[in-house]
Amino acid sequence: MYSEPVGRRHPRVPAGFLVKLHDAGRVLVHKARDLSMTGVLLEGCNHRVGEKLVVEIPLPDEQRMIAVTGEVRRGDARTDTTAVYFLDLDWDDLFALARYVAPRLP
């Protein structure tokens, strides 16, 4: 069963879909391991902490792509993951995330 670390303010839910990252003229595709209302954990992504990226998220059951600027907050070489924090979610994107996250919470 999926459990959250004690004290997490924004619970994560499993994702498993591909997202696009726009970084310095490149478009990279990575798998999202999990997603919260404030960020996404990506697999196989090794960007520098503090780096800003545009993240495109194709949420299942949504008619549009969420595009948000994010900042790399941490990376973990052991698990080959990178955490990206969302910086500029608009209301429509926030509601789309809520529609995805809320039903999947334990």
N, C-alpha and C. Protein backbone atom coordinates (compact mmCIF):
# COMPACT_ATOMS: atom_id res chain seq x y z
N MET A 1 0.84 -1.18 0.00
CA MET A 1 0.00 0.00 0.00
C MET A 1 0.88 1.25 0.00
N TYR A 2 0.42 2.29 -0.61
CA TYR A 2 1.16 3.54 -0.74
C TYR A 2 0.96 4.37 0.52
N SER A 3 2.06 4.79 1.16
CA SER A 3 1.92 5.61 2.37
C SER A 3 2.77 6.86 2.25
N GLU A 4 2.34 7.91 2.89
CA GLU A 4 3.00 9.21 2.86
C GLU A 4 3.92 9.37 4.05
N PRO A 5 5.04 10.08 3.86
CA PRO A 5 5.88 10.42 5.02
C PRO A 5 5.07 11.28 6.00
N VAL A 6 5.35 11.13 7.27
CA VAL A 6 4.66 11.92 8.28
C VAL A 6 4.95 13.39 8.06
N GLY A 7 3.93 14.22 8.13
CA GLY A 7 4.11 15.66 8.01
C GLY A 7 3.98 16.22 6.60
N ARG A 8 3.72 15.39 5.60
CA ARG A 8 3.57 15.89 4.23
C ARG A 8 2.30 16.71 4.12
N ARG A 9 2.41 17.93 3.60
CA ARG A 9 1.26 18.82 3.47
C ARG A 9 0.42 18.53 2.24
N HIS A 10 1.07 18.09 1.18
CA HIS A 10 0.37 17.81 -0.07
C HIS A 10 0.62 16.35 -0.45
N PRO A 11 -0.33 15.48 -0.14
CA PRO A 11 -0.12 14.05 -0.40
C PRO A 11 0.10 13.76 -1.87
N ARG A 12 0.91 12.77 -2.11
CA ARG A 12 1.20 12.34 -3.48
C ARG A 12 0.33 11.16 -3.85
N VAL A 13 0.04 11.06 -5.14
CA VAL A 13 -0.67 9.90 -5.66
C VAL A 13 0.18 9.31 -6.80
N PRO A 14 0.12 8.00 -6.98
CA PRO A 14 0.88 7.39 -8.08
C PRO A 14 0.44 7.97 -9.42
N ALA A 15 1.40 8.12 -10.33
CA ALA A 15 1.09 8.70 -11.64
C ALA A 15 1.31 7.66 -12.75
N GLY A 16 2.55 7.44 -13.15
CA GLY A 16 2.84 6.43 -14.15
C GLY A 16 2.71 6.87 -15.60
N PHE A 17 2.38 8.13 -15.86
CA PHE A 17 2.27 8.60 -17.24
C PHE A 17 3.50 9.43 -17.61
N LEU A 18 3.64 9.70 -18.92
CA LEU A 18 4.79 10.45 -19.42
C LEU A 18 4.49 11.95 -19.42
N VAL A 19 5.50 12.75 -19.06
CA VAL A 19 5.40 14.20 -19.12
C VAL A 19 6.52 14.74 -20.00
N LYS A 20 6.31 15.92 -20.55
CA LYS A 20 7.34 16.58 -21.35
C LYS A 20 7.97 17.68 -20.53
N LEU A 21 9.29 17.80 -20.65
CA LEU A 21 10.03 18.89 -20.02
C LEU A 21 10.64 19.73 -21.12
N HIS A 22 10.47 21.03 -21.04
CA HIS A 22 11.10 21.96 -21.98
C HIS A 22 12.25 22.62 -21.23
N ASP A 23 13.46 22.39 -21.73
CA ASP A 23 14.66 22.84 -21.05
C ASP A 23 15.67 23.35 -22.07
N ALA A 24 15.90 24.65 -22.09
CA ALA A 24 16.92 25.26 -22.95
C ALA A 24 16.80 24.80 -24.41
N GLY A 25 15.58 24.85 -24.94
CA GLY A 25 15.38 24.50 -26.35
C GLY A 25 15.22 23.02 -26.61
N ARG A 26 15.36 22.20 -25.59
CA ARG A 26 15.19 20.75 -25.75
C ARG A 26 13.83 20.35 -25.18
N VAL A 27 13.27 19.28 -25.75
CA VAL A 27 12.06 18.68 -25.19
C VAL A 27 12.43 17.27 -24.77
N LEU A 28 12.28 17.00 -23.48
CA LEU A 28 12.61 15.71 -22.91
C LEU A 28 11.34 15.04 -22.41
N VAL A 29 11.28 13.72 -22.47
CA VAL A 29 10.12 12.99 -21.99
C VAL A 29 10.57 12.10 -20.84
N HIS A 30 9.84 12.20 -19.72
CA HIS A 30 10.15 11.40 -18.53
C HIS A 30 8.86 10.84 -17.95
N LYS A 31 8.99 9.75 -17.24
CA LYS A 31 7.85 9.14 -16.57
C LYS A 31 7.62 9.81 -15.22
N ALA A 32 6.38 10.17 -14.93
CA ALA A 32 6.02 10.72 -13.63
C ALA A 32 5.75 9.56 -12.68
N ARG A 33 6.50 9.50 -11.60
CA ARG A 33 6.28 8.43 -10.62
C ARG A 33 5.08 8.77 -9.74
N ASP A 34 5.03 10.02 -9.26
CA ASP A 34 3.88 10.45 -8.49
C ASP A 34 3.66 11.93 -8.68
N LEU A 35 2.48 12.37 -8.22
CA LEU A 35 2.03 13.73 -8.47
C LEU A 35 1.31 14.24 -7.24
N SER A 36 1.49 15.52 -6.95
CA SER A 36 0.73 16.17 -5.88
C SER A 36 0.19 17.48 -6.43
N MET A 37 -0.48 18.23 -5.59
CA MET A 37 -1.01 19.52 -6.01
C MET A 37 0.10 20.55 -6.18
N THR A 38 1.30 20.25 -5.71
CA THR A 38 2.38 21.23 -5.78
C THR A 38 3.60 20.76 -6.56
N GLY A 39 3.59 19.53 -7.07
CA GLY A 39 4.76 19.08 -7.79
C GLY A 39 4.63 17.68 -8.34
N VAL A 40 5.71 17.25 -8.98
CA VAL A 40 5.75 15.94 -9.62
C VAL A 40 7.12 15.32 -9.37
N LEU A 41 7.15 14.00 -9.18
CA LEU A 41 8.40 13.27 -9.03
C LEU A 41 8.63 12.52 -10.33
N LEU A 42 9.77 12.79 -10.97
CA LEU A 42 10.08 12.23 -12.28
C LEU A 42 11.15 11.16 -12.18
N GLU A 43 11.04 10.13 -13.01
CA GLU A 43 12.05 9.08 -13.08
C GLU A 43 13.03 9.39 -14.21
N GLY A 44 14.29 9.00 -14.00
CA GLY A 44 15.29 9.12 -15.04
C GLY A 44 15.61 10.54 -15.46
N CYS A 45 15.45 11.46 -14.57
CA CYS A 45 15.64 12.87 -14.86
C CYS A 45 16.73 13.40 -13.96
N ASN A 46 17.78 13.97 -14.52
CA ASN A 46 18.89 14.43 -13.68
C ASN A 46 19.23 15.90 -13.94
N HIS A 47 18.31 16.76 -13.56
CA HIS A 47 18.53 18.20 -13.68
C HIS A 47 19.10 18.74 -12.38
N ARG A 48 19.71 19.90 -12.46
CA ARG A 48 20.31 20.53 -11.28
C ARG A 48 19.27 21.15 -10.37
N VAL A 49 19.49 21.07 -9.07
CA VAL A 49 18.62 21.72 -8.10
C VAL A 49 18.61 23.22 -8.40
N GLY A 50 17.43 23.80 -8.40
CA GLY A 50 17.27 25.23 -8.70
C GLY A 50 16.97 25.51 -10.17
N GLU A 51 17.17 24.54 -11.03
CA GLU A 51 16.91 24.72 -12.46
C GLU A 51 15.40 24.87 -12.69
N LYS A 52 15.03 25.78 -13.59
CA LYS A 52 13.63 25.99 -13.92
C LYS A 52 13.33 25.34 -15.26
N LEU A 53 12.17 24.67 -15.33
CA LEU A 53 11.74 23.94 -16.51
C LEU A 53 10.26 24.21 -16.75
N VAL A 54 9.82 24.04 -17.97
CA VAL A 54 8.39 24.02 -18.24
C VAL A 54 7.98 22.56 -18.33
N VAL A 55 6.97 22.20 -17.56
CA VAL A 55 6.49 20.82 -17.49
C VAL A 55 5.12 20.75 -18.15
N GLU A 56 4.95 19.83 -19.10
CA GLU A 56 3.65 19.59 -19.73
C GLU A 56 3.13 18.26 -19.22
N ILE A 57 1.95 18.28 -18.61
CA ILE A 57 1.37 17.10 -17.98
C ILE A 57 0.06 16.75 -18.68
N PRO A 58 0.01 15.57 -19.32
CA PRO A 58 -1.23 15.13 -19.96
C PRO A 58 -2.06 14.31 -18.99
N LEU A 59 -2.81 14.96 -18.11
CA LEU A 59 -3.60 14.22 -17.12
C LEU A 59 -4.65 13.37 -17.83
N PRO A 60 -4.76 12.10 -17.42
CA PRO A 60 -5.82 11.26 -17.99
C PRO A 60 -7.19 11.90 -17.73
N ASP A 61 -8.08 11.77 -18.68
CA ASP A 61 -9.46 12.27 -18.58
C ASP A 61 -9.57 13.79 -18.68
N GLU A 62 -8.50 14.49 -18.96
CA GLU A 62 -8.57 15.94 -19.18
C GLU A 62 -8.47 16.21 -20.68
N GLN A 63 -9.12 17.23 -21.15
CA GLN A 63 -9.15 17.55 -22.57
C GLN A 63 -7.96 18.40 -23.01
N ARG A 64 -7.16 18.84 -22.05
CA ARG A 64 -6.03 19.71 -22.41
C ARG A 64 -4.80 19.33 -21.60
N MET A 65 -3.70 19.83 -22.06
CA MET A 65 -2.42 19.60 -21.40
C MET A 65 -2.19 20.70 -20.37
N ILE A 66 -1.75 20.32 -19.18
CA ILE A 66 -1.36 21.31 -18.18
C ILE A 66 0.08 21.70 -18.48
N ALA A 67 0.35 22.97 -18.57
CA ALA A 67 1.72 23.46 -18.77
C ALA A 67 2.04 24.40 -17.62
N VAL A 68 3.12 24.10 -16.90
CA VAL A 68 3.46 24.86 -15.71
C VAL A 68 4.98 24.99 -15.61
N THR A 69 5.43 26.15 -15.16
CA THR A 69 6.85 26.30 -14.87
C THR A 69 7.13 25.64 -13.54
N GLY A 70 8.22 24.89 -13.49
CA GLY A 70 8.59 24.22 -12.26
C GLY A 70 10.05 24.45 -11.94
N GLU A 71 10.38 24.23 -10.69
CA GLU A 71 11.77 24.35 -10.23
C GLU A 71 12.21 23.02 -9.63
N VAL A 72 13.38 22.56 -10.04
CA VAL A 72 13.92 21.32 -9.48
C VAL A 72 14.28 21.59 -8.03
N ARG A 73 13.68 20.81 -7.13
CA ARG A 73 13.92 20.99 -5.69
C ARG A 73 14.92 19.98 -5.14
N ARG A 74 14.92 18.77 -5.68
CA ARG A 74 15.88 17.77 -5.22
C ARG A 74 15.98 16.64 -6.22
N GLY A 75 17.10 15.95 -6.16
CA GLY A 75 17.31 14.77 -6.98
C GLY A 75 17.88 13.67 -6.11
N ASP A 76 17.62 12.44 -6.50
CA ASP A 76 18.10 11.30 -5.73
C ASP A 76 18.72 10.30 -6.71
N ALA A 77 20.06 10.23 -6.70
CA ALA A 77 20.78 9.34 -7.61
C ALA A 77 20.47 7.87 -7.32
N ARG A 78 20.20 7.54 -6.05
CA ARG A 78 19.92 6.14 -5.69
C ARG A 78 18.65 5.64 -6.37
N THR A 79 17.63 6.49 -6.41
CA THR A 79 16.35 6.07 -7.00
C THR A 79 16.16 6.63 -8.41
N ASP A 80 17.13 7.40 -8.90
CA ASP A 80 17.08 8.00 -10.24
C ASP A 80 15.81 8.84 -10.42
N THR A 81 15.53 9.69 -9.42
CA THR A 81 14.34 10.53 -9.47
C THR A 81 14.69 11.99 -9.23
N THR A 82 13.83 12.86 -9.72
CA THR A 82 13.97 14.31 -9.54
C THR A 82 12.61 14.89 -9.16
N ALA A 83 12.58 15.71 -8.11
CA ALA A 83 11.35 16.35 -7.66
C ALA A 83 11.28 17.76 -8.25
N VAL A 84 10.16 18.05 -8.90
CA VAL A 84 9.93 19.37 -9.50
C VAL A 84 8.74 20.01 -8.81
N TYR A 85 8.94 21.23 -8.30
CA TYR A 85 7.92 22.00 -7.60
C TYR A 85 7.27 22.96 -8.59
N PHE A 86 5.93 23.01 -8.61
CA PHE A 86 5.21 23.90 -9.51
C PHE A 86 5.27 25.34 -9.02
N LEU A 87 5.58 26.27 -9.94
CA LEU A 87 5.71 27.67 -9.57
C LEU A 87 4.53 28.54 -9.97
N ASP A 88 3.87 28.23 -11.07
CA ASP A 88 2.87 29.17 -11.59
C ASP A 88 1.59 28.51 -12.08
N LEU A 89 0.98 27.68 -11.25
CA LEU A 89 -0.27 27.05 -11.63
C LEU A 89 -1.39 28.09 -11.73
N ASP A 90 -2.13 28.06 -12.83
CA ASP A 90 -3.29 28.94 -12.89
C ASP A 90 -4.50 28.17 -12.34
N TRP A 91 -5.63 28.84 -12.22
CA TRP A 91 -6.80 28.23 -11.59
C TRP A 91 -7.28 27.00 -12.35
N ASP A 92 -7.30 27.07 -13.68
CA ASP A 92 -7.77 25.93 -14.47
C ASP A 92 -6.88 24.71 -14.24
N ASP A 93 -5.56 24.94 -14.22
CA ASP A 93 -4.63 23.84 -13.99
C ASP A 93 -4.77 23.29 -12.57
N LEU A 94 -4.97 24.17 -11.61
CA LEU A 94 -5.15 23.76 -10.21
C LEU A 94 -6.37 22.85 -10.08
N PHE A 95 -7.48 23.25 -10.71
CA PHE A 95 -8.70 22.43 -10.64
C PHE A 95 -8.51 21.10 -11.36
N ALA A 96 -7.81 21.11 -12.49
CA ALA A 96 -7.54 19.85 -13.21
C ALA A 96 -6.71 18.91 -12.35
N LEU A 97 -5.69 19.44 -11.68
CA LEU A 97 -4.89 18.61 -10.77
C LEU A 97 -5.75 18.05 -9.64
N ALA A 98 -6.61 18.89 -9.08
CA ALA A 98 -7.48 18.44 -8.00
C ALA A 98 -8.41 17.31 -8.47
N ARG A 99 -8.92 17.43 -9.70
CA ARG A 99 -9.78 16.37 -10.23
C ARG A 99 -9.03 15.05 -10.39
N TYR A 100 -7.73 15.12 -10.65
CA TYR A 100 -6.93 13.91 -10.78
C TYR A 100 -6.51 13.37 -9.42
N VAL A 101 -6.02 14.24 -8.55
CA VAL A 101 -5.44 13.82 -7.27
C VAL A 101 -6.49 13.36 -6.26
N ALA A 102 -7.55 14.13 -6.08
CA ALA A 102 -8.51 13.87 -5.00
C ALA A 102 -9.10 12.45 -5.01
N PRO A 103 -9.57 11.93 -6.14
CA PRO A 103 -10.16 10.59 -6.11
C PRO A 103 -9.14 9.47 -5.83
N ARG A 104 -7.87 9.77 -5.98
CA ARG A 104 -6.83 8.75 -5.80
C ARG A 104 -6.20 8.76 -4.42
N LEU A 105 -6.63 9.70 -3.59
CA LEU A 105 -6.09 9.77 -2.22
C LEU A 105 -6.62 8.60 -1.40
N PRO A 106 -5.77 8.08 -0.51
CA PRO A 106 -6.23 6.94 0.32
C PRO A 106 -7.28 7.35 1.33
